[in-house]
Each structure stands twice: as C-alpha cells, then as structure tokens.
Amino acid sequence: MCCWARLDTFPQWLRQGLALGRQIVFERSGAKRRGRSGNLYCGWDRAHRTAAWQGTLNYLRGGMTMRSWLPFSLMVAATLSLTSSSVARPANPPASATENAQVIEVVAKKYEFDPSPIRVKQGARVRLKIKATDHTHGFSIRLSPDGADPDAAPGLVFSSPQDCQKIEKGDTVTVEFVAQIPGTYAIRCCVHCGWDHRAMKGQLVVEP
C-alpha cells in the first residue's frame, strides 16, 4: 500500500525528478500514461509507478536530454546556494568591543586580591586577568552591588556565564563584563586555599 504517498509531501527535487523521469520513459517507450495522474502518487498503477521511478533513476544518473538537464542543474545550484547561505556561522564579536575593553591585572595570593578595590567607570567594558601566584585560588564576584534588591537586574553583564573560576598556581583566568550599575561588588575566593580562606575577599567599585 502507498496511501501515504501524496506528491505534495515529496521534496521538490523528487517531485520534479519523478515528473521528468516519467516524461522521459513514456517518450522513449511510446507508452500511454495510465491511472489517475493527479496529486496522489498511490493513484498510479504499479507499472506507472515503476516507470516513473526508473525514469527518475535514469534522470539522476545522467540519462536525460540536454533540454531537461538545464532546469535540473539550475534547480540544484539554487538549492545548494540556499543551503549554504542558511548555515549558521559563528558570530565574531566586533573588534571595537574587544579593543576598547579596560584591562586590569589582578593577583590572587594568600589571602588577598591585589589591587582591591578595583575601580571602573559605569558603562565600561572590563577585562580582569586574574593570576594565582602562590597557591590554587578561586575568583567569584557578585552580579549585583551591595544593598541592591535581590530581584533587581544584574549590575554586571558578563560575556559568558559566570560561576566560581578556579585558578591553578601560576595560571591566569580572564573574566570580562560590562559594568552597568554603579555600586560596590563583593569579590571572594571560592576555592579553599588555607586557614584564612574565608577572609580572602576583595571589591569592585563601579563609579558613576
């Protein structure tokens, strides 16, 4: 049974291939078309369907006339063009956004961040390059300033999701964000680094 096979559900290239394949087969054999040749593929009898598919195979293998080759080649070229244009390409950040970032080097060591406080201007794009010099440390910064409503929008907008950034001894981690809302933001070490780990804190101050 083939009651599912409506022509309008076939891909366009296959519908055209079937139509042209049938035409080629019937022209070569001189046979008359039989069955209902409407939109229902299952309305064709078995011989009709076999001829159509055989014609499609011959058509795709190159057994077609020059007259039928031109529209088919144009169709393939158009399909490939549309496909290639619709493929998503990774978006590169504007060069200006990267070049205009304020770069600040921060040292993480027992049991402090240096410098602290870190001062930036509201609206500035900031890139912190944090290096652990003596031990494995962590870097975590609050998204909202001290005293802000917990439900308020974040005051720091990061270029990638932020969590605890683990920094191995001698390594450097980069954190980039836009400072949108003035205030003081708490920084802390989020990886246990010794007896005074809980006291290892810092501040980022966004000035209006």
N, C-alpha and C. Protein backbone atom coordinates (compact mmCIF):
# COMPACT_ATOMS: atom_id res chain seq x y z
N MET A 1 0.84 -1.20 0.00
CA MET A 1 0.00 0.00 0.00
C MET A 1 0.87 1.24 0.00
N CYS A 2 0.33 2.30 -0.59
CA CYS A 2 1.11 3.55 -0.63
C CYS A 2 0.18 4.74 -0.42
N CYS A 3 -0.85 4.58 0.39
CA CYS A 3 -1.82 5.66 0.55
C CYS A 3 -1.21 6.88 1.22
N TRP A 4 -0.02 6.71 1.83
CA TRP A 4 0.64 7.86 2.47
C TRP A 4 1.32 8.77 1.46
N ALA A 5 1.53 8.26 0.25
CA ALA A 5 2.45 8.93 -0.66
C ALA A 5 1.75 9.97 -1.51
N ARG A 6 1.50 11.14 -0.93
CA ARG A 6 0.99 12.26 -1.71
C ARG A 6 2.19 12.99 -2.32
N LEU A 7 2.03 13.36 -3.57
CA LEU A 7 3.15 14.02 -4.25
C LEU A 7 3.55 15.31 -3.55
N ASP A 8 2.54 16.03 -2.99
CA ASP A 8 2.88 17.31 -2.38
C ASP A 8 3.66 17.15 -1.07
N THR A 9 3.82 15.89 -0.60
CA THR A 9 4.66 15.66 0.58
C THR A 9 6.08 15.30 0.20
N PHE A 10 6.35 15.06 -1.09
CA PHE A 10 7.69 14.74 -1.53
C PHE A 10 8.52 16.03 -1.61
N PRO A 11 9.84 15.95 -1.44
CA PRO A 11 10.70 17.11 -1.68
C PRO A 11 10.53 17.60 -3.12
N GLN A 12 10.74 18.90 -3.28
CA GLN A 12 10.53 19.48 -4.61
C GLN A 12 11.40 18.82 -5.67
N TRP A 13 12.66 18.55 -5.33
CA TRP A 13 13.55 17.95 -6.33
C TRP A 13 13.06 16.57 -6.74
N LEU A 14 12.46 15.82 -5.75
CA LEU A 14 11.98 14.49 -6.07
C LEU A 14 10.72 14.56 -6.91
N ARG A 15 9.85 15.52 -6.60
CA ARG A 15 8.64 15.67 -7.41
C ARG A 15 9.00 15.99 -8.87
N GLN A 16 9.99 16.91 -9.04
CA GLN A 16 10.38 17.26 -10.40
C GLN A 16 11.09 16.10 -11.08
N GLY A 17 11.91 15.35 -10.29
CA GLY A 17 12.58 14.20 -10.86
C GLY A 17 11.60 13.14 -11.33
N LEU A 18 10.55 12.89 -10.53
CA LEU A 18 9.53 11.93 -10.92
C LEU A 18 8.81 12.38 -12.19
N ALA A 19 8.44 13.65 -12.22
CA ALA A 19 7.71 14.15 -13.38
C ALA A 19 8.54 14.04 -14.66
N LEU A 20 9.81 14.48 -14.55
CA LEU A 20 10.67 14.44 -15.74
C LEU A 20 11.04 12.99 -16.08
N GLY A 21 11.24 12.16 -15.05
CA GLY A 21 11.55 10.75 -15.31
C GLY A 21 10.41 10.06 -16.03
N ARG A 22 9.17 10.30 -15.59
CA ARG A 22 8.02 9.72 -16.27
C ARG A 22 7.96 10.16 -17.73
N GLN A 23 8.22 11.46 -17.92
CA GLN A 23 8.16 12.01 -19.28
C GLN A 23 9.18 11.32 -20.19
N ILE A 24 10.41 11.14 -19.65
CA ILE A 24 11.46 10.51 -20.46
C ILE A 24 11.10 9.07 -20.80
N VAL A 25 10.63 8.32 -19.77
CA VAL A 25 10.30 6.91 -20.01
C VAL A 25 9.19 6.77 -21.03
N PHE A 26 8.14 7.55 -20.89
CA PHE A 26 7.00 7.41 -21.79
C PHE A 26 7.34 7.90 -23.20
N GLU A 27 8.22 8.92 -23.29
CA GLU A 27 8.61 9.38 -24.61
C GLU A 27 9.41 8.30 -25.33
N ARG A 28 10.29 7.60 -24.56
CA ARG A 28 11.15 6.59 -25.18
C ARG A 28 10.37 5.32 -25.53
N SER A 29 9.41 4.99 -24.67
CA SER A 29 8.69 3.73 -24.90
C SER A 29 7.45 3.92 -25.76
N GLY A 30 6.99 5.14 -25.86
CA GLY A 30 5.78 5.41 -26.62
C GLY A 30 4.53 4.93 -25.90
N ALA A 31 4.68 4.57 -24.60
CA ALA A 31 3.52 4.08 -23.84
C ALA A 31 2.61 5.23 -23.48
N LYS A 32 1.37 4.89 -23.26
CA LYS A 32 0.40 5.89 -22.83
C LYS A 32 0.35 5.90 -21.31
N ARG A 33 0.10 7.09 -20.75
CA ARG A 33 0.00 7.19 -19.31
C ARG A 33 -1.30 6.57 -18.85
N ARG A 34 -1.16 5.77 -17.78
CA ARG A 34 -2.33 5.10 -17.26
C ARG A 34 -2.54 5.49 -15.80
N GLY A 35 -3.74 5.27 -15.32
CA GLY A 35 -4.04 5.57 -13.93
C GLY A 35 -4.34 7.04 -13.74
N ARG A 36 -4.70 7.40 -12.52
CA ARG A 36 -5.00 8.80 -12.22
C ARG A 36 -3.69 9.52 -11.99
N SER A 37 -3.40 10.51 -12.78
CA SER A 37 -2.12 11.21 -12.69
C SER A 37 -2.24 12.49 -11.89
N GLY A 38 -3.17 12.53 -10.95
CA GLY A 38 -3.33 13.71 -10.12
C GLY A 38 -2.27 13.79 -9.05
N ASN A 39 -2.65 14.40 -7.92
CA ASN A 39 -1.67 14.63 -6.86
C ASN A 39 -1.33 13.38 -6.07
N LEU A 40 -2.22 12.36 -6.11
CA LEU A 40 -2.00 11.15 -5.34
C LEU A 40 -1.09 10.18 -6.08
N TYR A 41 0.13 9.99 -5.53
CA TYR A 41 1.07 9.05 -6.12
C TYR A 41 0.50 7.64 -6.08
N CYS A 42 -0.29 7.30 -5.02
CA CYS A 42 -0.83 5.97 -4.92
C CYS A 42 -1.99 5.76 -5.89
N GLY A 43 -2.37 6.83 -6.61
CA GLY A 43 -3.39 6.66 -7.64
C GLY A 43 -2.83 6.05 -8.90
N TRP A 44 -1.49 5.98 -9.03
CA TRP A 44 -0.88 5.39 -10.22
C TRP A 44 -0.85 3.88 -10.04
N ASP A 45 -0.96 3.16 -11.15
CA ASP A 45 -0.84 1.71 -11.03
C ASP A 45 0.63 1.33 -10.91
N ARG A 46 0.88 0.04 -10.66
CA ARG A 46 2.25 -0.40 -10.38
C ARG A 46 3.19 -0.14 -11.54
N ALA A 47 2.74 -0.40 -12.75
CA ALA A 47 3.59 -0.17 -13.92
C ALA A 47 3.93 1.31 -14.07
N HIS A 48 2.92 2.13 -13.77
CA HIS A 48 3.09 3.57 -13.88
C HIS A 48 4.15 4.05 -12.87
N ARG A 49 4.03 3.55 -11.63
CA ARG A 49 4.98 3.97 -10.59
C ARG A 49 6.39 3.47 -10.90
N THR A 50 6.47 2.21 -11.36
CA THR A 50 7.78 1.64 -11.68
C THR A 50 8.46 2.44 -12.78
N ALA A 51 7.68 2.80 -13.80
CA ALA A 51 8.24 3.58 -14.90
C ALA A 51 8.72 4.94 -14.42
N ALA A 52 7.93 5.55 -13.53
CA ALA A 52 8.31 6.87 -13.03
C ALA A 52 9.61 6.80 -12.23
N TRP A 53 9.71 5.80 -11.34
CA TRP A 53 10.92 5.68 -10.54
C TRP A 53 12.13 5.31 -11.41
N GLN A 54 11.94 4.43 -12.38
CA GLN A 54 13.04 4.07 -13.26
C GLN A 54 13.49 5.28 -14.05
N GLY A 55 12.51 6.07 -14.48
CA GLY A 55 12.86 7.29 -15.20
C GLY A 55 13.62 8.26 -14.31
N THR A 56 13.23 8.32 -13.02
CA THR A 56 13.94 9.20 -12.09
C THR A 56 15.38 8.76 -11.91
N LEU A 57 15.59 7.44 -11.77
CA LEU A 57 16.96 6.94 -11.62
C LEU A 57 17.80 7.26 -12.84
N ASN A 58 17.23 7.00 -14.02
CA ASN A 58 17.96 7.32 -15.26
C ASN A 58 18.25 8.81 -15.33
N TYR A 59 17.27 9.57 -14.89
CA TYR A 59 17.40 11.03 -14.91
C TYR A 59 18.55 11.49 -14.02
N LEU A 60 18.61 10.90 -12.81
CA LEU A 60 19.65 11.30 -11.87
C LEU A 60 21.01 10.75 -12.25
N ARG A 61 21.04 9.62 -12.99
CA ARG A 61 22.31 9.03 -13.40
C ARG A 61 22.88 9.68 -14.64
N GLY A 62 22.15 10.59 -15.19
CA GLY A 62 22.66 11.29 -16.37
C GLY A 62 21.98 10.88 -17.65
N GLY A 63 21.00 9.96 -17.59
CA GLY A 63 20.32 9.52 -18.81
C GLY A 63 19.19 10.46 -19.17
N MET A 64 19.50 11.75 -19.37
CA MET A 64 18.48 12.73 -19.69
C MET A 64 18.95 13.59 -20.86
N THR A 65 18.03 14.21 -21.48
CA THR A 65 18.34 15.03 -22.64
C THR A 65 18.91 16.36 -22.21
N MET A 66 19.59 17.04 -23.13
CA MET A 66 20.14 18.35 -22.84
C MET A 66 19.03 19.32 -22.48
N ARG A 67 17.88 19.13 -23.04
CA ARG A 67 16.76 20.02 -22.77
C ARG A 67 16.31 19.92 -21.31
N SER A 68 16.35 18.70 -20.75
CA SER A 68 15.93 18.53 -19.37
C SER A 68 17.07 18.78 -18.38
N TRP A 69 18.32 18.78 -18.85
CA TRP A 69 19.46 18.98 -17.96
C TRP A 69 19.52 20.40 -17.43
N LEU A 70 19.19 21.40 -18.23
CA LEU A 70 19.33 22.79 -17.82
C LEU A 70 18.46 23.13 -16.62
N PRO A 71 17.13 22.86 -16.64
CA PRO A 71 16.35 23.19 -15.45
C PRO A 71 16.78 22.42 -14.21
N PHE A 72 17.22 21.17 -14.41
CA PHE A 72 17.66 20.39 -13.25
C PHE A 72 18.93 20.98 -12.64
N SER A 73 19.90 21.37 -13.48
CA SER A 73 21.14 21.94 -12.96
C SER A 73 20.89 23.27 -12.27
N LEU A 74 19.96 24.07 -12.84
CA LEU A 74 19.62 25.32 -12.19
C LEU A 74 18.98 25.08 -10.84
N MET A 75 18.13 24.04 -10.77
CA MET A 75 17.46 23.72 -9.51
C MET A 75 18.47 23.30 -8.45
N VAL A 76 19.44 22.45 -8.82
CA VAL A 76 20.47 22.00 -7.88
C VAL A 76 21.32 23.18 -7.42
N ALA A 77 21.70 24.06 -8.34
CA ALA A 77 22.52 25.21 -7.98
C ALA A 77 21.80 26.12 -7.01
N ALA A 78 20.50 26.34 -7.26
CA ALA A 78 19.72 27.19 -6.37
C ALA A 78 19.59 26.57 -4.99
N THR A 79 19.39 25.23 -4.94
CA THR A 79 19.26 24.55 -3.65
C THR A 79 20.54 24.64 -2.84
N LEU A 80 21.68 24.40 -3.52
CA LEU A 80 22.96 24.49 -2.82
C LEU A 80 23.23 25.90 -2.33
N SER A 81 22.85 26.90 -3.13
CA SER A 81 23.06 28.28 -2.73
C SER A 81 22.26 28.62 -1.50
N LEU A 82 20.98 28.20 -1.49
CA LEU A 82 20.13 28.49 -0.32
C LEU A 82 20.63 27.76 0.91
N THR A 83 21.09 26.51 0.72
CA THR A 83 21.57 25.74 1.86
C THR A 83 22.80 26.37 2.47
N SER A 84 23.75 26.76 1.63
CA SER A 84 24.99 27.33 2.14
C SER A 84 24.75 28.67 2.82
N SER A 85 23.78 29.44 2.30
CA SER A 85 23.51 30.74 2.90
C SER A 85 22.78 30.62 4.22
N SER A 86 22.10 29.48 4.45
CA SER A 86 21.33 29.33 5.67
C SER A 86 22.13 28.67 6.78
N VAL A 87 23.36 28.20 6.50
CA VAL A 87 24.17 27.57 7.53
C VAL A 87 24.66 28.64 8.50
N ALA A 88 24.44 28.38 9.77
CA ALA A 88 24.82 29.36 10.78
C ALA A 88 26.33 29.44 10.88
N ARG A 89 26.83 30.64 10.90
CA ARG A 89 28.27 30.86 11.07
C ARG A 89 28.49 31.49 12.43
N PRO A 90 29.58 31.09 13.12
CA PRO A 90 29.82 31.66 14.45
C PRO A 90 30.00 33.16 14.36
N ALA A 91 29.30 33.85 15.24
CA ALA A 91 29.37 35.31 15.24
C ALA A 91 30.61 35.75 15.99
N ASN A 92 31.43 36.58 15.35
CA ASN A 92 32.61 37.12 15.99
C ASN A 92 32.27 38.44 16.64
N PRO A 93 32.71 38.67 17.87
CA PRO A 93 32.42 39.95 18.50
C PRO A 93 33.09 41.07 17.74
N PRO A 94 32.47 42.25 17.69
CA PRO A 94 33.08 43.39 17.00
C PRO A 94 34.47 43.67 17.55
N ALA A 95 35.39 43.99 16.65
CA ALA A 95 36.76 44.25 17.07
C ALA A 95 36.80 45.41 18.06
N SER A 96 35.92 46.42 17.85
CA SER A 96 35.94 47.59 18.71
C SER A 96 35.61 47.23 20.14
N ALA A 97 34.67 46.24 20.33
CA ALA A 97 34.28 45.85 21.68
C ALA A 97 35.46 45.25 22.43
N THR A 98 36.29 44.47 21.73
CA THR A 98 37.45 43.85 22.37
C THR A 98 38.56 44.85 22.60
N GLU A 99 38.80 45.70 21.61
CA GLU A 99 39.90 46.66 21.71
C GLU A 99 39.64 47.72 22.77
N ASN A 100 38.37 48.07 23.01
CA ASN A 100 38.04 49.13 23.94
C ASN A 100 37.88 48.65 25.37
N ALA A 101 38.10 47.38 25.63
CA ALA A 101 37.96 46.86 26.99
C ALA A 101 39.07 47.41 27.88
N GLN A 102 38.69 47.73 29.11
CA GLN A 102 39.67 48.17 30.10
C GLN A 102 40.28 46.94 30.75
N VAL A 103 41.57 46.71 30.51
CA VAL A 103 42.24 45.51 31.02
C VAL A 103 42.89 45.81 32.36
N ILE A 104 42.55 44.99 33.34
CA ILE A 104 43.10 45.16 34.69
C ILE A 104 43.69 43.83 35.13
N GLU A 105 44.95 43.85 35.52
CA GLU A 105 45.62 42.64 36.00
C GLU A 105 45.46 42.54 37.52
N VAL A 106 45.01 41.38 37.96
CA VAL A 106 44.75 41.15 39.38
C VAL A 106 45.58 39.95 39.84
N VAL A 107 46.19 40.08 41.00
CA VAL A 107 46.97 38.99 41.59
C VAL A 107 46.16 38.38 42.74
N ALA A 108 46.00 37.07 42.69
CA ALA A 108 45.35 36.34 43.77
C ALA A 108 46.43 35.60 44.56
N LYS A 109 46.52 35.92 45.85
CA LYS A 109 47.54 35.30 46.70
C LYS A 109 46.99 35.24 48.13
N LYS A 110 47.62 34.41 48.96
CA LYS A 110 47.15 34.30 50.34
C LYS A 110 47.30 35.64 51.05
N TYR A 111 46.28 36.17 51.60
CA TYR A 111 44.85 35.84 51.41
C TYR A 111 44.20 37.13 50.96
N GLU A 112 44.48 37.54 49.73
CA GLU A 112 44.00 38.82 49.22
C GLU A 112 43.99 38.85 47.70
N PHE A 113 43.24 39.82 47.20
CA PHE A 113 43.27 40.15 45.77
C PHE A 113 43.91 41.52 45.66
N ASP A 114 44.84 41.65 44.74
CA ASP A 114 45.57 42.90 44.57
C ASP A 114 45.52 43.32 43.11
N PRO A 115 44.98 44.52 42.80
CA PRO A 115 44.52 45.57 43.72
C PRO A 115 43.12 45.31 44.24
N SER A 116 42.78 45.98 45.33
CA SER A 116 41.44 45.98 45.88
C SER A 116 41.29 47.23 46.73
N PRO A 117 40.28 48.04 46.48
CA PRO A 117 39.22 47.82 45.48
C PRO A 117 39.70 48.09 44.06
N ILE A 118 39.02 47.46 43.11
CA ILE A 118 39.23 47.71 41.68
C ILE A 118 38.21 48.75 41.26
N ARG A 119 38.64 49.86 40.67
CA ARG A 119 37.72 50.95 40.33
C ARG A 119 37.56 51.06 38.81
N VAL A 120 36.30 51.09 38.38
CA VAL A 120 35.99 51.25 36.96
C VAL A 120 34.82 52.23 36.83
N LYS A 121 34.60 52.70 35.62
CA LYS A 121 33.51 53.64 35.36
C LYS A 121 32.26 52.91 34.87
N GLN A 122 31.12 53.48 35.20
CA GLN A 122 29.85 52.91 34.73
C GLN A 122 29.82 52.89 33.20
N GLY A 123 29.39 51.77 32.65
CA GLY A 123 29.32 51.61 31.20
C GLY A 123 30.58 51.06 30.58
N ALA A 124 31.65 50.93 31.37
CA ALA A 124 32.92 50.45 30.83
C ALA A 124 32.87 48.94 30.61
N ARG A 125 33.52 48.49 29.54
CA ARG A 125 33.75 47.05 29.34
C ARG A 125 35.07 46.72 30.03
N VAL A 126 35.03 45.77 30.95
CA VAL A 126 36.18 45.48 31.80
C VAL A 126 36.65 44.04 31.57
N ARG A 127 37.95 43.88 31.48
CA ARG A 127 38.54 42.55 31.35
C ARG A 127 39.53 42.37 32.49
N LEU A 128 39.18 41.49 33.44
CA LEU A 128 40.05 41.19 34.55
C LEU A 128 40.89 39.97 34.22
N LYS A 129 42.21 40.10 34.38
CA LYS A 129 43.13 38.98 34.17
C LYS A 129 43.71 38.62 35.52
N ILE A 130 43.18 37.53 36.11
CA ILE A 130 43.50 37.17 37.48
C ILE A 130 44.51 36.04 37.49
N LYS A 131 45.63 36.25 38.16
CA LYS A 131 46.71 35.26 38.22
C LYS A 131 46.92 34.80 39.65
N ALA A 132 46.97 33.48 39.84
CA ALA A 132 47.27 32.91 41.15
C ALA A 132 48.78 32.70 41.24
N THR A 133 49.41 33.32 42.22
CA THR A 133 50.88 33.30 42.27
C THR A 133 51.47 32.30 43.24
N ASP A 134 50.72 31.94 44.31
CA ASP A 134 51.33 31.12 45.35
C ASP A 134 50.58 29.83 45.66
N HIS A 135 49.36 29.69 45.13
CA HIS A 135 48.51 28.56 45.51
C HIS A 135 47.33 28.54 44.55
N THR A 136 46.60 27.45 44.55
CA THR A 136 45.36 27.42 43.78
C THR A 136 44.31 28.25 44.51
N HIS A 137 43.70 29.17 43.76
CA HIS A 137 42.68 30.04 44.34
C HIS A 137 41.43 29.99 43.46
N GLY A 138 40.43 30.74 43.90
CA GLY A 138 39.20 30.87 43.12
C GLY A 138 38.80 32.32 43.03
N PHE A 139 37.98 32.63 42.02
CA PHE A 139 37.51 34.02 41.86
C PHE A 139 36.01 33.99 41.61
N SER A 140 35.29 34.71 42.44
CA SER A 140 33.84 34.83 42.28
C SER A 140 33.44 36.26 42.62
N ILE A 141 32.58 36.85 41.80
CA ILE A 141 32.13 38.22 42.03
C ILE A 141 30.61 38.27 41.98
N ARG A 142 30.01 39.03 42.87
CA ARG A 142 28.56 39.15 42.89
C ARG A 142 28.08 39.92 41.67
N LEU A 143 26.91 39.54 41.17
CA LEU A 143 26.37 40.20 39.98
C LEU A 143 25.69 41.51 40.30
N SER A 144 25.27 41.69 41.56
CA SER A 144 24.57 42.91 41.97
C SER A 144 25.37 43.62 43.04
N PRO A 145 25.28 44.96 43.10
CA PRO A 145 26.05 45.70 44.11
C PRO A 145 25.49 45.48 45.51
N ASP A 146 26.31 45.77 46.52
CA ASP A 146 25.89 45.64 47.91
C ASP A 146 24.63 46.47 48.15
N GLY A 147 23.66 45.87 48.84
CA GLY A 147 22.44 46.58 49.18
C GLY A 147 21.39 46.60 48.10
N ALA A 148 21.65 46.00 46.96
CA ALA A 148 20.68 46.00 45.86
C ALA A 148 19.56 45.02 46.13
N ASP A 149 18.41 45.29 45.53
CA ASP A 149 17.27 44.37 45.63
C ASP A 149 17.67 43.04 45.00
N PRO A 150 17.48 41.94 45.70
CA PRO A 150 17.85 40.63 45.13
C PRO A 150 17.16 40.32 43.80
N ASP A 151 15.98 40.92 43.58
CA ASP A 151 15.24 40.66 42.34
C ASP A 151 15.58 41.65 41.23
N ALA A 152 16.47 42.59 41.53
CA ALA A 152 16.82 43.60 40.53
C ALA A 152 17.70 43.00 39.44
N ALA A 153 17.77 43.69 38.32
CA ALA A 153 18.60 43.24 37.20
C ALA A 153 20.08 43.27 37.61
N PRO A 154 20.90 42.35 37.11
CA PRO A 154 22.34 42.34 37.45
C PRO A 154 23.00 43.65 37.05
N GLY A 155 23.93 44.06 37.88
CA GLY A 155 24.66 45.29 37.56
C GLY A 155 25.88 45.04 36.71
N LEU A 156 26.35 43.79 36.67
CA LEU A 156 27.47 43.39 35.82
C LEU A 156 26.96 42.39 34.79
N VAL A 157 27.19 42.68 33.53
CA VAL A 157 26.73 41.81 32.45
C VAL A 157 27.96 41.13 31.84
N PHE A 158 28.05 39.82 32.03
CA PHE A 158 29.23 39.07 31.61
C PHE A 158 29.09 38.57 30.17
N SER A 159 30.22 38.39 29.51
CA SER A 159 30.22 37.89 28.14
C SER A 159 29.96 36.40 28.07
N SER A 160 30.10 35.70 29.20
CA SER A 160 29.81 34.26 29.28
C SER A 160 29.32 33.96 30.69
N PRO A 161 28.56 32.88 30.86
CA PRO A 161 28.03 32.54 32.19
C PRO A 161 29.15 32.46 33.23
N GLN A 162 28.86 32.99 34.41
CA GLN A 162 29.88 33.04 35.44
C GLN A 162 29.53 32.16 36.62
N ASP A 163 30.55 31.53 37.14
CA ASP A 163 30.43 30.75 38.37
C ASP A 163 31.78 30.91 39.06
N CYS A 164 32.11 30.00 39.91
CA CYS A 164 33.42 30.05 40.55
C CYS A 164 34.50 29.74 39.51
N GLN A 165 35.46 30.64 39.37
CA GLN A 165 36.57 30.44 38.45
C GLN A 165 37.77 29.90 39.23
N LYS A 166 38.11 28.64 38.97
CA LYS A 166 39.26 28.04 39.65
C LYS A 166 40.54 28.42 38.93
N ILE A 167 41.54 28.88 39.71
CA ILE A 167 42.80 29.34 39.11
C ILE A 167 43.94 28.54 39.73
N GLU A 168 44.55 27.69 38.93
CA GLU A 168 45.70 26.92 39.42
C GLU A 168 46.91 27.83 39.61
N LYS A 169 47.80 27.41 40.49
CA LYS A 169 49.01 28.20 40.76
C LYS A 169 49.78 28.45 39.46
N GLY A 170 50.09 29.70 39.21
CA GLY A 170 50.83 30.10 38.01
C GLY A 170 49.96 30.36 36.79
N ASP A 171 48.67 30.02 36.88
CA ASP A 171 47.76 30.23 35.74
C ASP A 171 47.03 31.56 35.85
N THR A 172 46.47 31.98 34.70
CA THR A 172 45.72 33.23 34.64
C THR A 172 44.35 32.95 34.04
N VAL A 173 43.32 33.49 34.66
CA VAL A 173 41.95 33.36 34.18
C VAL A 173 41.45 34.76 33.81
N THR A 174 40.73 34.83 32.68
CA THR A 174 40.19 36.12 32.22
C THR A 174 38.69 36.16 32.42
N VAL A 175 38.22 37.25 33.00
CA VAL A 175 36.80 37.48 33.22
C VAL A 175 36.45 38.81 32.60
N GLU A 176 35.42 38.81 31.74
CA GLU A 176 35.06 40.04 31.02
C GLU A 176 33.59 40.37 31.24
N PHE A 177 33.29 41.64 31.44
CA PHE A 177 31.93 42.07 31.70
C PHE A 177 31.77 43.55 31.39
N VAL A 178 30.52 44.00 31.37
CA VAL A 178 30.19 45.42 31.24
C VAL A 178 29.63 45.90 32.57
N ALA A 179 30.19 46.95 33.11
CA ALA A 179 29.75 47.49 34.40
C ALA A 179 28.60 48.46 34.15
N GLN A 180 27.38 47.99 34.38
CA GLN A 180 26.21 48.79 34.03
C GLN A 180 25.63 49.62 35.16
N ILE A 181 25.72 49.12 36.38
CA ILE A 181 25.08 49.81 37.50
C ILE A 181 26.15 50.19 38.54
N PRO A 182 26.19 51.47 38.96
CA PRO A 182 27.17 51.89 39.98
C PRO A 182 26.96 51.16 41.30
N GLY A 183 28.04 51.01 42.04
CA GLY A 183 27.96 50.38 43.35
C GLY A 183 29.22 49.58 43.65
N THR A 184 29.19 48.92 44.79
CA THR A 184 30.33 48.11 45.23
C THR A 184 29.96 46.64 45.14
N TYR A 185 30.79 45.88 44.46
CA TYR A 185 30.54 44.46 44.22
C TYR A 185 31.56 43.62 44.99
N ALA A 186 31.06 42.64 45.70
CA ALA A 186 31.93 41.80 46.54
C ALA A 186 32.63 40.74 45.70
N ILE A 187 33.93 40.59 45.98
CA ILE A 187 34.75 39.55 45.36
C ILE A 187 35.22 38.61 46.46
N ARG A 188 35.28 37.32 46.19
CA ARG A 188 35.76 36.38 47.19
C ARG A 188 36.49 35.23 46.51
N CYS A 189 37.32 34.56 47.29
CA CYS A 189 37.95 33.33 46.83
C CYS A 189 36.97 32.19 47.06
N CYS A 190 36.71 31.42 46.02
CA CYS A 190 35.69 30.36 46.10
C CYS A 190 36.31 28.96 46.07
N VAL A 191 37.63 28.88 46.22
CA VAL A 191 38.32 27.58 46.30
C VAL A 191 39.17 27.60 47.57
N HIS A 192 38.98 26.58 48.41
CA HIS A 192 39.69 26.57 49.69
C HIS A 192 41.19 26.64 49.46
N CYS A 193 41.82 27.62 50.14
CA CYS A 193 43.25 27.86 49.90
C CYS A 193 44.08 27.93 51.18
N GLY A 194 43.50 27.62 52.32
CA GLY A 194 44.28 27.65 53.56
C GLY A 194 43.44 28.09 54.75
N TRP A 195 44.13 28.35 55.86
CA TRP A 195 43.45 28.67 57.11
C TRP A 195 42.59 29.92 57.00
N ASP A 196 43.05 30.93 56.35
CA ASP A 196 42.31 32.20 56.26
C ASP A 196 41.55 32.34 54.94
N HIS A 197 41.18 31.22 54.37
CA HIS A 197 40.46 31.24 53.09
C HIS A 197 39.23 32.14 53.13
N ARG A 198 38.44 32.06 54.20
CA ARG A 198 37.21 32.84 54.28
C ARG A 198 37.47 34.33 54.32
N ALA A 199 38.66 34.72 54.68
CA ALA A 199 38.98 36.16 54.76
C ALA A 199 39.52 36.71 53.44
N MET A 200 39.68 35.84 52.46
CA MET A 200 40.23 36.29 51.18
C MET A 200 39.11 36.92 50.34
N LYS A 201 39.02 38.23 50.43
CA LYS A 201 37.96 38.97 49.76
C LYS A 201 38.53 40.20 49.06
N GLY A 202 37.71 40.77 48.21
CA GLY A 202 38.09 42.00 47.52
C GLY A 202 36.84 42.76 47.11
N GLN A 203 37.04 43.86 46.41
CA GLN A 203 35.91 44.69 46.00
C GLN A 203 36.13 45.24 44.59
N LEU A 204 35.01 45.36 43.88
CA LEU A 204 34.99 46.08 42.61
C LEU A 204 34.05 47.27 42.80
N VAL A 205 34.53 48.47 42.53
CA VAL A 205 33.71 49.67 42.68
C VAL A 205 33.43 50.26 41.31
N VAL A 206 32.14 50.33 40.96
CA VAL A 206 31.72 50.94 39.70
C VAL A 206 31.27 52.37 40.00
N GLU A 207 32.02 53.33 39.47
CA GLU A 207 31.72 54.73 39.73
C GLU A 207 30.85 55.33 38.64
N PRO A 208 29.88 56.18 39.02
CA PRO A 208 29.01 56.79 38.01
C PRO A 208 29.76 57.77 37.12
